[in-house]
């Protein structure tokens, strides 16, 4: 049995989203081939996701100086607590699925805020004399992304997602890029069919 964390960074349903359509295809196929796995769905656009702000920065500085958690302000305590919950949720999962659309050549802001909660010194990476070293070597990840044009995984968003996961130690990484349907609508059915087949294939071995 494995805990599967699904991070959905798209606000629309499968009816209106290529990303979510392929995500749903993957989940259905994975549940069929791995019925023992436990899924946790994290819909970022319907989640109160913490963002790094002045309260969090000052709270972390105080904690680093030895201040007791109970001495933080009530606002700081709550923000640190919620931030840590997302970090712990990630740490408790063996398989990570991230789904988003490419917007303005970048990841959605909600997804960036989530990545901040899992990119934590001392928990997911550590500093060494040779530079930072990832601590997360026991997880696998899948990135699902749709884009109107074709980038072959070389866009900044795809590179960022893979780069951050590699940075914290995750090298068991697969991707499904749904590209070009807006540029060439006539090929949209073919593009979606190929993405669904890849999703089903990866689901069996993920």
N, C-alpha and C. Protein backbone atom coordinates (compact mmCIF):
# COMPACT_ATOMS: atom_id res chain seq x y z
N UNK A 1 0.83 -1.20 0.00
CA UNK A 1 0.00 0.00 0.00
C UNK A 1 0.86 1.25 0.00
N UNK A 2 0.45 2.25 -0.75
CA UNK A 2 1.18 3.52 -0.78
C UNK A 2 0.19 4.67 -0.66
N UNK A 3 0.65 5.76 -0.06
CA UNK A 3 -0.14 6.97 0.01
C UNK A 3 0.15 7.82 -1.22
N UNK A 4 -0.89 8.16 -1.96
CA UNK A 4 -0.74 8.94 -3.19
C UNK A 4 -1.32 10.33 -2.96
N UNK A 5 -0.48 11.34 -3.07
CA UNK A 5 -0.93 12.72 -2.92
C UNK A 5 -1.13 13.32 -4.31
N UNK A 6 -2.35 13.72 -4.61
CA UNK A 6 -2.68 14.32 -5.90
C UNK A 6 -2.83 15.83 -5.70
N UNK A 7 -1.94 16.58 -6.32
CA UNK A 7 -1.95 18.04 -6.20
C UNK A 7 -2.52 18.61 -7.50
N UNK A 8 -3.79 19.00 -7.44
CA UNK A 8 -4.47 19.53 -8.62
C UNK A 8 -4.42 21.06 -8.59
N UNK A 9 -3.65 21.62 -9.50
CA UNK A 9 -3.49 23.08 -9.55
C UNK A 9 -4.26 23.68 -10.71
N UNK A 10 -5.45 23.16 -10.94
CA UNK A 10 -6.32 23.72 -11.99
C UNK A 10 -7.70 23.95 -11.40
N UNK A 11 -8.29 25.14 -11.60
CA UNK A 11 -9.57 25.45 -10.97
C UNK A 11 -10.79 24.87 -11.68
N UNK A 12 -10.63 24.34 -12.89
CA UNK A 12 -11.77 23.86 -13.66
C UNK A 12 -11.94 22.35 -13.52
N UNK A 13 -13.09 21.87 -13.96
CA UNK A 13 -13.38 20.44 -13.94
C UNK A 13 -12.90 19.81 -15.24
N UNK A 14 -13.00 18.49 -15.30
CA UNK A 14 -12.55 17.77 -16.49
C UNK A 14 -13.33 18.19 -17.73
N UNK A 15 -14.56 18.62 -17.55
CA UNK A 15 -15.38 19.05 -18.68
C UNK A 15 -14.75 20.22 -19.44
N UNK A 16 -14.01 21.05 -18.71
CA UNK A 16 -13.43 22.26 -19.31
C UNK A 16 -11.91 22.29 -19.26
N UNK A 17 -11.28 21.21 -18.86
CA UNK A 17 -9.83 21.22 -18.69
C UNK A 17 -9.19 19.96 -19.24
N UNK A 18 -8.26 20.12 -20.16
CA UNK A 18 -7.49 18.98 -20.66
C UNK A 18 -6.65 18.37 -19.55
N UNK A 19 -6.08 19.23 -18.71
CA UNK A 19 -5.25 18.76 -17.60
C UNK A 19 -6.03 17.82 -16.69
N UNK A 20 -7.20 18.28 -16.26
CA UNK A 20 -7.99 17.49 -15.30
C UNK A 20 -8.55 16.23 -15.97
N UNK A 21 -8.85 16.31 -17.25
CA UNK A 21 -9.30 15.11 -17.97
C UNK A 21 -8.24 14.01 -17.90
N UNK A 22 -7.00 14.36 -18.17
CA UNK A 22 -5.93 13.37 -18.13
C UNK A 22 -5.63 12.95 -16.70
N UNK A 23 -5.72 13.89 -15.76
CA UNK A 23 -5.54 13.54 -14.35
C UNK A 23 -6.57 12.50 -13.93
N UNK A 24 -7.83 12.73 -14.28
CA UNK A 24 -8.89 11.78 -13.92
C UNK A 24 -8.66 10.42 -14.58
N UNK A 25 -8.18 10.44 -15.81
CA UNK A 25 -7.87 9.18 -16.51
C UNK A 25 -6.79 8.41 -15.77
N UNK A 26 -5.75 9.13 -15.35
CA UNK A 26 -4.66 8.49 -14.61
C UNK A 26 -5.16 7.91 -13.29
N UNK A 27 -5.92 8.68 -12.54
CA UNK A 27 -6.40 8.23 -11.23
C UNK A 27 -7.26 6.98 -11.38
N UNK A 28 -8.18 6.99 -12.33
CA UNK A 28 -9.05 5.84 -12.55
C UNK A 28 -8.24 4.59 -12.90
N UNK A 29 -7.26 4.74 -13.77
CA UNK A 29 -6.43 3.60 -14.18
C UNK A 29 -5.55 3.13 -13.03
N UNK A 30 -5.03 4.06 -12.25
CA UNK A 30 -4.16 3.68 -11.13
C UNK A 30 -4.95 2.96 -10.05
N UNK A 31 -6.14 3.43 -9.77
CA UNK A 31 -6.97 2.77 -8.76
C UNK A 31 -7.35 1.36 -9.19
N UNK A 32 -7.50 1.17 -10.49
CA UNK A 32 -7.83 -0.16 -11.00
C UNK A 32 -6.66 -1.13 -10.86
N UNK A 33 -5.44 -0.63 -11.08
CA UNK A 33 -4.26 -1.50 -11.03
C UNK A 33 -3.61 -1.54 -9.65
N UNK A 34 -3.89 -0.55 -8.81
CA UNK A 34 -3.34 -0.51 -7.45
C UNK A 34 -4.45 -0.19 -6.45
N UNK A 35 -5.42 -1.08 -6.30
CA UNK A 35 -6.58 -0.79 -5.44
C UNK A 35 -6.22 -0.59 -3.97
N UNK A 36 -5.03 -1.05 -3.59
CA UNK A 36 -4.62 -0.92 -2.19
C UNK A 36 -4.09 0.47 -1.85
N UNK A 37 -3.74 1.26 -2.85
CA UNK A 37 -3.20 2.60 -2.60
C UNK A 37 -4.28 3.53 -2.08
N UNK A 38 -3.86 4.47 -1.24
CA UNK A 38 -4.78 5.43 -0.63
C UNK A 38 -4.53 6.81 -1.23
N UNK A 39 -5.57 7.41 -1.80
CA UNK A 39 -5.44 8.71 -2.46
C UNK A 39 -5.84 9.85 -1.53
N UNK A 40 -5.05 10.91 -1.56
CA UNK A 40 -5.42 12.18 -0.92
C UNK A 40 -5.47 13.24 -2.00
N UNK A 41 -6.63 13.87 -2.16
CA UNK A 41 -6.82 14.87 -3.20
C UNK A 41 -6.64 16.27 -2.61
N UNK A 42 -5.72 17.01 -3.20
CA UNK A 42 -5.45 18.38 -2.76
C UNK A 42 -5.76 19.32 -3.93
N UNK A 43 -6.94 19.92 -3.89
CA UNK A 43 -7.34 20.87 -4.93
C UNK A 43 -6.92 22.27 -4.49
N UNK A 44 -5.83 22.75 -5.06
CA UNK A 44 -5.22 23.98 -4.56
C UNK A 44 -6.12 25.19 -4.67
N UNK A 45 -6.99 25.23 -5.67
CA UNK A 45 -7.86 26.40 -5.83
C UNK A 45 -9.05 26.38 -4.89
N UNK A 46 -9.20 25.31 -4.15
CA UNK A 46 -10.28 25.21 -3.16
C UNK A 46 -9.70 24.86 -1.80
N UNK A 47 -8.45 25.29 -1.58
CA UNK A 47 -7.73 25.02 -0.34
C UNK A 47 -7.15 26.32 0.19
N UNK A 48 -7.23 26.51 1.49
CA UNK A 48 -6.63 27.69 2.11
C UNK A 48 -5.14 27.45 2.23
N UNK A 49 -4.44 27.80 1.17
CA UNK A 49 -3.01 27.52 1.06
C UNK A 49 -2.18 28.68 1.60
N UNK A 50 -1.27 28.44 2.53
CA UNK A 50 -0.48 29.54 3.09
C UNK A 50 0.54 30.06 2.09
N UNK A 51 0.74 31.36 2.09
CA UNK A 51 1.79 31.98 1.29
C UNK A 51 2.82 32.58 2.22
N UNK A 52 4.07 32.53 1.81
CA UNK A 52 5.13 33.12 2.62
C UNK A 52 4.92 34.63 2.67
N UNK A 53 4.76 35.15 3.89
CA UNK A 53 4.55 36.59 4.06
C UNK A 53 5.36 37.07 5.26
N UNK A 54 5.12 38.31 5.67
CA UNK A 54 5.89 38.87 6.77
C UNK A 54 5.72 38.10 8.07
N UNK A 55 4.50 37.65 8.34
CA UNK A 55 4.25 36.89 9.57
C UNK A 55 5.07 35.61 9.61
N UNK A 56 5.08 34.88 8.51
CA UNK A 56 5.84 33.63 8.47
C UNK A 56 7.34 33.88 8.55
N UNK A 57 7.82 34.86 7.82
CA UNK A 57 9.26 35.15 7.83
C UNK A 57 9.74 35.54 9.23
N UNK A 58 8.98 36.40 9.90
CA UNK A 58 9.37 36.82 11.25
C UNK A 58 9.24 35.67 12.24
N UNK A 59 8.24 34.83 12.04
CA UNK A 59 8.07 33.67 12.93
C UNK A 59 9.25 32.72 12.78
N UNK A 60 9.66 32.44 11.56
CA UNK A 60 10.80 31.55 11.34
C UNK A 60 12.08 32.13 11.92
N UNK A 61 12.27 33.43 11.75
CA UNK A 61 13.46 34.07 12.33
C UNK A 61 13.47 33.92 13.84
N UNK A 62 12.31 34.11 14.46
CA UNK A 62 12.22 33.99 15.92
C UNK A 62 12.51 32.56 16.37
N UNK A 63 11.95 31.59 15.66
CA UNK A 63 12.17 30.19 16.02
C UNK A 63 13.63 29.80 15.85
N UNK A 64 14.27 30.31 14.81
CA UNK A 64 15.70 30.03 14.59
C UNK A 64 16.56 30.60 15.71
N UNK A 65 16.10 31.67 16.32
CA UNK A 65 16.85 32.29 17.41
C UNK A 65 16.57 31.63 18.76
N UNK A 66 15.69 30.62 18.76
CA UNK A 66 15.41 29.90 19.99
C UNK A 66 14.12 30.28 20.68
N UNK A 67 13.35 31.17 20.08
CA UNK A 67 12.07 31.55 20.67
C UNK A 67 11.13 30.36 20.70
N UNK A 68 10.44 30.16 21.82
CA UNK A 68 9.50 29.05 21.92
C UNK A 68 8.29 29.32 21.04
N UNK A 69 7.75 28.26 20.46
CA UNK A 69 6.61 28.41 19.56
C UNK A 69 5.46 29.14 20.24
N UNK A 70 5.25 28.87 21.52
CA UNK A 70 4.13 29.48 22.24
C UNK A 70 4.31 30.98 22.43
N UNK A 71 5.51 31.47 22.23
CA UNK A 71 5.77 32.90 22.38
C UNK A 71 5.50 33.68 21.09
N UNK A 72 5.26 32.98 20.01
CA UNK A 72 4.88 33.66 18.77
C UNK A 72 3.48 34.24 18.92
N UNK A 73 3.15 35.21 18.08
CA UNK A 73 1.79 35.75 18.11
C UNK A 73 0.81 34.67 17.65
N UNK A 74 -0.46 34.83 18.00
CA UNK A 74 -1.46 33.84 17.62
C UNK A 74 -1.55 33.71 16.10
N UNK A 75 -1.40 34.83 15.39
CA UNK A 75 -1.43 34.80 13.93
C UNK A 75 -0.23 34.02 13.39
N UNK A 76 0.94 34.27 13.95
CA UNK A 76 2.14 33.56 13.50
C UNK A 76 2.03 32.07 13.79
N UNK A 77 1.55 31.72 14.97
CA UNK A 77 1.40 30.31 15.33
C UNK A 77 0.49 29.59 14.34
N UNK A 78 -0.62 30.22 13.99
CA UNK A 78 -1.58 29.58 13.08
C UNK A 78 -0.98 29.42 11.69
N UNK A 79 -0.27 30.43 11.21
CA UNK A 79 0.32 30.34 9.87
C UNK A 79 1.43 29.29 9.82
N UNK A 80 2.24 29.21 10.86
CA UNK A 80 3.29 28.19 10.91
C UNK A 80 2.66 26.80 10.98
N UNK A 81 1.61 26.67 11.78
CA UNK A 81 0.94 25.38 11.93
C UNK A 81 0.38 24.89 10.59
N UNK A 82 -0.32 25.77 9.89
CA UNK A 82 -0.92 25.39 8.61
C UNK A 82 0.17 25.07 7.58
N UNK A 83 1.20 25.89 7.52
CA UNK A 83 2.32 25.66 6.60
C UNK A 83 2.92 24.28 6.86
N UNK A 84 3.16 23.97 8.12
CA UNK A 84 3.77 22.68 8.48
C UNK A 84 2.86 21.50 8.14
N UNK A 85 1.55 21.70 8.19
CA UNK A 85 0.62 20.63 7.85
C UNK A 85 0.80 20.18 6.40
N UNK A 86 1.00 21.14 5.51
CA UNK A 86 1.21 20.79 4.11
C UNK A 86 2.55 20.08 3.91
N UNK A 87 3.56 20.52 4.65
CA UNK A 87 4.86 19.85 4.58
C UNK A 87 4.74 18.41 5.05
N UNK A 88 4.06 18.21 6.18
CA UNK A 88 3.90 16.87 6.75
C UNK A 88 3.07 15.97 5.84
N UNK A 89 2.06 16.56 5.21
CA UNK A 89 1.23 15.78 4.28
C UNK A 89 2.07 15.25 3.12
N UNK A 90 2.94 16.08 2.62
CA UNK A 90 3.85 15.67 1.55
C UNK A 90 4.79 14.57 2.03
N UNK A 91 5.38 14.76 3.21
CA UNK A 91 6.34 13.79 3.74
C UNK A 91 5.69 12.43 3.98
N UNK A 92 4.40 12.42 4.27
CA UNK A 92 3.70 11.16 4.57
C UNK A 92 3.27 10.41 3.31
N UNK A 93 3.52 10.98 2.14
CA UNK A 93 3.09 10.36 0.88
C UNK A 93 4.28 9.74 0.15
N UNK A 94 4.02 8.58 -0.46
CA UNK A 94 5.08 7.91 -1.22
C UNK A 94 5.04 8.26 -2.71
N UNK A 95 3.86 8.61 -3.19
CA UNK A 95 3.69 8.94 -4.61
C UNK A 95 3.04 10.31 -4.73
N UNK A 96 3.58 11.14 -5.62
CA UNK A 96 3.10 12.50 -5.78
C UNK A 96 2.67 12.71 -7.23
N UNK A 97 1.45 13.19 -7.42
CA UNK A 97 0.95 13.52 -8.76
C UNK A 97 0.63 15.01 -8.78
N UNK A 98 1.22 15.73 -9.71
CA UNK A 98 1.02 17.18 -9.81
C UNK A 98 0.42 17.49 -11.17
N UNK A 99 -0.68 18.23 -11.18
CA UNK A 99 -1.37 18.54 -12.43
C UNK A 99 -1.62 20.04 -12.54
N UNK A 100 -1.24 20.61 -13.67
CA UNK A 100 -1.46 22.04 -13.89
C UNK A 100 -1.48 22.34 -15.38
N UNK A 101 -1.96 23.53 -15.71
CA UNK A 101 -1.86 24.03 -17.08
C UNK A 101 -0.71 25.02 -17.14
N UNK A 102 -0.17 25.18 -18.31
CA UNK A 102 0.89 26.18 -18.51
C UNK A 102 0.21 27.53 -18.77
N UNK A 103 0.39 28.46 -17.85
CA UNK A 103 -0.20 29.79 -17.98
C UNK A 103 0.91 30.82 -18.08
N UNK A 104 0.93 31.56 -19.16
CA UNK A 104 1.94 32.61 -19.35
C UNK A 104 3.35 32.07 -19.12
N UNK A 105 3.59 30.88 -19.66
CA UNK A 105 4.91 30.23 -19.61
C UNK A 105 5.36 29.88 -18.20
N UNK A 106 4.41 29.76 -17.26
CA UNK A 106 4.81 29.49 -15.88
C UNK A 106 3.78 28.62 -15.19
N UNK A 107 4.11 28.19 -13.97
CA UNK A 107 3.15 27.44 -13.17
C UNK A 107 2.16 28.40 -12.54
N UNK A 108 0.97 27.93 -12.17
CA UNK A 108 0.01 28.79 -11.47
C UNK A 108 0.57 29.24 -10.12
N UNK A 109 0.14 30.41 -9.66
CA UNK A 109 0.64 30.93 -8.39
C UNK A 109 0.31 30.00 -7.23
N UNK A 110 -0.84 29.35 -7.30
CA UNK A 110 -1.22 28.42 -6.23
C UNK A 110 -0.22 27.27 -6.13
N UNK A 111 0.25 26.80 -7.27
CA UNK A 111 1.21 25.70 -7.26
C UNK A 111 2.55 26.16 -6.70
N UNK A 112 2.95 27.38 -7.03
CA UNK A 112 4.19 27.92 -6.46
C UNK A 112 4.09 27.98 -4.94
N UNK A 113 2.94 28.42 -4.42
CA UNK A 113 2.75 28.48 -2.97
C UNK A 113 2.85 27.09 -2.35
N UNK A 114 2.32 26.07 -3.04
CA UNK A 114 2.42 24.70 -2.51
C UNK A 114 3.87 24.23 -2.52
N UNK A 115 4.58 24.51 -3.61
CA UNK A 115 5.99 24.10 -3.67
C UNK A 115 6.79 24.73 -2.53
N UNK A 116 6.44 25.93 -2.13
CA UNK A 116 7.13 26.55 -1.00
C UNK A 116 6.98 25.71 0.27
N UNK A 117 5.84 25.05 0.44
CA UNK A 117 5.62 24.26 1.65
C UNK A 117 6.39 22.95 1.66
N UNK A 118 6.89 22.52 0.50
CA UNK A 118 7.64 21.25 0.47
C UNK A 118 9.13 21.47 0.22
N UNK A 119 9.52 22.71 0.06
CA UNK A 119 10.93 23.03 -0.17
C UNK A 119 11.48 23.64 1.11
N UNK A 120 11.71 22.79 2.11
CA UNK A 120 11.97 23.25 3.47
C UNK A 120 13.32 22.72 3.97
N UNK A 121 14.22 23.63 4.26
CA UNK A 121 15.54 23.24 4.78
C UNK A 121 15.38 22.46 6.08
N UNK A 122 16.10 21.34 6.17
CA UNK A 122 16.04 20.51 7.36
C UNK A 122 14.99 19.42 7.29
N UNK A 123 14.04 19.57 6.37
CA UNK A 123 12.99 18.57 6.22
C UNK A 123 13.04 17.88 4.86
N UNK A 124 13.19 18.65 3.80
CA UNK A 124 13.24 18.04 2.46
C UNK A 124 14.59 18.23 1.78
N UNK A 125 15.42 19.10 2.32
CA UNK A 125 16.81 19.22 1.87
C UNK A 125 17.64 19.78 3.01
N UNK A 126 18.94 19.63 2.90
CA UNK A 126 19.83 20.18 3.92
C UNK A 126 21.03 20.83 3.26
N UNK A 127 21.60 21.77 3.98
CA UNK A 127 22.80 22.45 3.49
C UNK A 127 24.04 21.67 3.92
N UNK A 128 25.00 21.53 3.01
CA UNK A 128 26.27 20.88 3.31
C UNK A 128 27.40 21.77 2.81
N UNK A 129 28.62 21.37 3.13
CA UNK A 129 29.78 22.14 2.67
C UNK A 129 29.87 22.16 1.15
N UNK A 130 29.31 21.13 0.51
CA UNK A 130 29.35 21.04 -0.95
C UNK A 130 28.12 21.67 -1.60
N UNK A 131 27.19 22.15 -0.79
CA UNK A 131 25.96 22.73 -1.31
C UNK A 131 24.74 21.98 -0.80
N UNK A 132 23.53 22.41 -1.18
CA UNK A 132 22.32 21.75 -0.69
C UNK A 132 22.18 20.33 -1.24
N UNK A 133 21.63 19.45 -0.39
CA UNK A 133 21.42 18.05 -0.76
C UNK A 133 19.98 17.67 -0.46
N UNK A 134 19.31 17.03 -1.42
CA UNK A 134 17.94 16.60 -1.22
C UNK A 134 17.84 15.45 -0.24
N UNK A 135 16.77 15.44 0.55
CA UNK A 135 16.56 14.40 1.55
C UNK A 135 15.43 13.44 1.17
N UNK A 136 14.71 13.75 0.10
CA UNK A 136 13.55 12.94 -0.28
C UNK A 136 13.94 11.99 -1.40
N UNK A 137 14.38 10.82 -1.03
CA UNK A 137 14.85 9.85 -2.02
C UNK A 137 13.95 8.61 -2.12
N UNK A 138 12.84 8.62 -1.38
CA UNK A 138 11.98 7.43 -1.33
C UNK A 138 10.62 7.68 -1.96
N UNK A 139 10.50 8.70 -2.79
CA UNK A 139 9.21 9.02 -3.41
C UNK A 139 9.34 9.03 -4.93
N UNK A 140 8.22 8.85 -5.60
CA UNK A 140 8.17 9.00 -7.05
C UNK A 140 7.14 10.06 -7.38
N UNK A 141 7.31 10.71 -8.52
CA UNK A 141 6.42 11.82 -8.88
C UNK A 141 6.02 11.75 -10.34
N UNK A 142 4.83 12.25 -10.61
CA UNK A 142 4.31 12.38 -11.97
C UNK A 142 3.82 13.81 -12.16
N UNK A 143 4.22 14.43 -13.25
CA UNK A 143 3.76 15.78 -13.59
C UNK A 143 2.90 15.73 -14.84
N UNK A 144 1.67 16.22 -14.72
CA UNK A 144 0.74 16.31 -15.84
C UNK A 144 0.53 17.78 -16.15
N UNK A 145 0.78 18.17 -17.40
CA UNK A 145 0.65 19.58 -17.77
C UNK A 145 0.10 19.72 -19.18
N UNK A 146 -0.83 20.64 -19.35
CA UNK A 146 -1.35 20.95 -20.67
C UNK A 146 -0.91 22.34 -21.10
N UNK A 147 -0.75 22.51 -22.40
CA UNK A 147 -0.38 23.82 -22.95
C UNK A 147 -0.94 23.94 -24.36
N UNK A 148 -1.28 25.16 -24.74
CA UNK A 148 -1.86 25.37 -26.06
C UNK A 148 -0.87 25.14 -27.19
N UNK A 149 0.40 25.46 -26.92
CA UNK A 149 1.46 25.25 -27.90
C UNK A 149 2.27 24.02 -27.59
N UNK A 150 3.35 23.83 -28.31
CA UNK A 150 4.21 22.66 -28.13
C UNK A 150 5.58 23.10 -27.65
N UNK A 151 6.00 22.54 -26.50
CA UNK A 151 7.28 22.92 -25.90
C UNK A 151 8.18 21.72 -25.62
N UNK A 152 7.61 20.50 -25.73
CA UNK A 152 8.38 19.27 -25.51
C UNK A 152 9.06 19.24 -24.15
N UNK A 153 8.37 19.78 -23.14
CA UNK A 153 8.91 19.75 -21.79
C UNK A 153 10.03 20.74 -21.54
N UNK A 154 10.27 21.65 -22.49
CA UNK A 154 11.37 22.60 -22.33
C UNK A 154 10.90 23.97 -21.83
N UNK A 155 9.61 24.13 -21.60
CA UNK A 155 9.10 25.38 -21.06
C UNK A 155 9.53 25.54 -19.61
N UNK A 156 9.49 26.77 -19.12
CA UNK A 156 9.96 27.04 -17.76
C UNK A 156 9.16 26.28 -16.72
N UNK A 157 7.86 26.16 -16.92
CA UNK A 157 7.01 25.48 -15.95
C UNK A 157 7.43 24.02 -15.76
N UNK A 158 7.56 23.30 -16.87
CA UNK A 158 7.96 21.89 -16.79
C UNK A 158 9.34 21.75 -16.17
N UNK A 159 10.26 22.63 -16.55
CA UNK A 159 11.62 22.58 -16.01
C UNK A 159 11.64 22.92 -14.53
N UNK A 160 10.79 23.85 -14.12
CA UNK A 160 10.73 24.24 -12.71
C UNK A 160 10.23 23.08 -11.85
N UNK A 161 9.12 22.47 -12.27
CA UNK A 161 8.56 21.36 -11.49
C UNK A 161 9.58 20.24 -11.34
N UNK A 162 10.18 19.84 -12.45
CA UNK A 162 11.19 18.77 -12.39
C UNK A 162 12.40 19.22 -11.57
N UNK A 163 12.82 20.47 -11.75
CA UNK A 163 13.99 20.97 -11.04
C UNK A 163 13.81 21.01 -9.54
N UNK A 164 12.65 21.47 -9.08
CA UNK A 164 12.40 21.53 -7.64
C UNK A 164 12.34 20.13 -7.05
N UNK A 165 11.66 19.22 -7.74
CA UNK A 165 11.58 17.85 -7.23
C UNK A 165 12.96 17.20 -7.20
N UNK A 166 13.76 17.41 -8.22
CA UNK A 166 15.13 16.90 -8.22
C UNK A 166 15.93 17.51 -7.08
N UNK A 167 15.72 18.80 -6.84
CA UNK A 167 16.46 19.52 -5.80
C UNK A 167 16.25 18.89 -4.43
N UNK A 168 15.02 18.45 -4.15
CA UNK A 168 14.76 17.86 -2.83
C UNK A 168 15.01 16.36 -2.83
N UNK A 169 15.47 15.81 -3.95
CA UNK A 169 15.90 14.41 -3.96
C UNK A 169 15.08 13.45 -4.79
N UNK A 170 13.97 13.91 -5.37
CA UNK A 170 13.11 13.01 -6.15
C UNK A 170 13.63 12.92 -7.58
N UNK A 171 14.12 11.75 -7.93
CA UNK A 171 14.63 11.52 -9.29
C UNK A 171 13.77 10.52 -10.06
N UNK A 172 12.89 9.80 -9.35
CA UNK A 172 11.95 8.88 -9.99
C UNK A 172 10.78 9.73 -10.49
N UNK A 173 10.89 10.23 -11.70
CA UNK A 173 10.00 11.28 -12.20
C UNK A 173 9.51 10.94 -13.60
N UNK A 174 8.19 11.05 -13.80
CA UNK A 174 7.59 10.88 -15.12
C UNK A 174 6.73 12.10 -15.44
N UNK A 175 6.40 12.25 -16.70
CA UNK A 175 5.60 13.41 -17.10
C UNK A 175 4.66 13.06 -18.23
N UNK A 176 3.55 13.78 -18.27
CA UNK A 176 2.61 13.71 -19.39
C UNK A 176 2.35 15.14 -19.82
N UNK A 177 2.80 15.50 -21.01
CA UNK A 177 2.59 16.85 -21.52
C UNK A 177 1.54 16.80 -22.63
N UNK A 178 0.46 17.51 -22.43
CA UNK A 178 -0.65 17.57 -23.39
C UNK A 178 -0.48 18.87 -24.16
N UNK A 179 0.10 18.80 -25.33
CA UNK A 179 0.54 20.02 -26.00
C UNK A 179 -0.01 20.16 -27.42
N UNK A 180 -0.35 21.41 -27.78
CA UNK A 180 -0.66 21.73 -29.16
C UNK A 180 -2.11 21.68 -29.58
N UNK A 181 -3.01 21.33 -28.66
CA UNK A 181 -4.42 21.21 -29.04
C UNK A 181 -5.04 22.55 -29.41
N UNK A 182 -4.60 23.62 -28.78
CA UNK A 182 -5.12 24.95 -29.12
C UNK A 182 -4.49 25.46 -30.41
N UNK A 183 -3.22 25.17 -30.59
CA UNK A 183 -2.53 25.60 -31.82
C UNK A 183 -3.10 24.90 -33.05
N UNK A 184 -3.42 23.62 -32.89
CA UNK A 184 -3.92 22.82 -34.01
C UNK A 184 -5.17 22.06 -33.56
N UNK A 185 -6.32 22.75 -33.50
CA UNK A 185 -7.55 22.12 -33.00
C UNK A 185 -7.94 20.84 -33.73
N UNK A 186 -7.58 20.74 -34.99
CA UNK A 186 -7.94 19.54 -35.75
C UNK A 186 -7.29 18.29 -35.17
N UNK A 187 -6.15 18.49 -34.51
CA UNK A 187 -5.43 17.35 -33.93
C UNK A 187 -5.77 17.13 -32.46
N UNK A 188 -6.66 17.94 -31.91
CA UNK A 188 -6.98 17.84 -30.49
C UNK A 188 -7.44 16.44 -30.07
N UNK A 189 -8.34 15.79 -30.82
CA UNK A 189 -8.74 14.43 -30.44
C UNK A 189 -7.56 13.46 -30.41
N UNK A 190 -6.68 13.58 -31.40
CA UNK A 190 -5.49 12.72 -31.46
C UNK A 190 -4.56 12.98 -30.28
N UNK A 191 -4.36 14.26 -29.96
CA UNK A 191 -3.48 14.64 -28.85
C UNK A 191 -4.03 14.11 -27.53
N UNK A 192 -5.33 14.27 -27.31
CA UNK A 192 -5.94 13.80 -26.07
C UNK A 192 -5.93 12.28 -25.97
N UNK A 193 -6.15 11.61 -27.09
CA UNK A 193 -6.13 10.14 -27.09
C UNK A 193 -4.75 9.62 -26.72
N UNK A 194 -3.71 10.25 -27.26
CA UNK A 194 -2.34 9.83 -26.95
C UNK A 194 -2.02 10.08 -25.48
N UNK A 195 -2.49 11.21 -24.95
CA UNK A 195 -2.24 11.52 -23.54
C UNK A 195 -2.96 10.54 -22.62
N UNK A 196 -4.17 10.15 -23.00
CA UNK A 196 -4.91 9.18 -22.19
C UNK A 196 -4.21 7.83 -22.19
N UNK A 197 -3.70 7.42 -23.33
CA UNK A 197 -2.99 6.14 -23.40
C UNK A 197 -1.73 6.16 -22.54
N UNK A 198 -1.02 7.28 -22.58
CA UNK A 198 0.19 7.39 -21.75
C UNK A 198 -0.18 7.39 -20.28
N UNK A 199 -1.27 8.06 -19.93
CA UNK A 199 -1.72 8.09 -18.53
C UNK A 199 -2.05 6.68 -18.04
N UNK A 200 -2.73 5.92 -18.85
CA UNK A 200 -3.08 4.55 -18.47
C UNK A 200 -1.83 3.68 -18.34
N UNK A 201 -0.89 3.85 -19.25
CA UNK A 201 0.34 3.07 -19.22
C UNK A 201 1.16 3.38 -17.97
N UNK A 202 1.32 4.67 -17.67
CA UNK A 202 2.09 5.06 -16.49
C UNK A 202 1.39 4.65 -15.20
N UNK A 203 0.06 4.68 -15.21
CA UNK A 203 -0.70 4.32 -14.01
C UNK A 203 -0.42 2.89 -13.57
N UNK A 204 -0.21 2.02 -14.52
CA UNK A 204 0.01 0.61 -14.19
C UNK A 204 1.32 0.38 -13.46
N UNK A 205 2.32 1.25 -13.71
CA UNK A 205 3.65 1.04 -13.11
C UNK A 205 4.00 2.07 -12.05
N UNK A 206 3.12 3.03 -11.83
CA UNK A 206 3.42 4.12 -10.89
C UNK A 206 3.18 3.68 -9.45
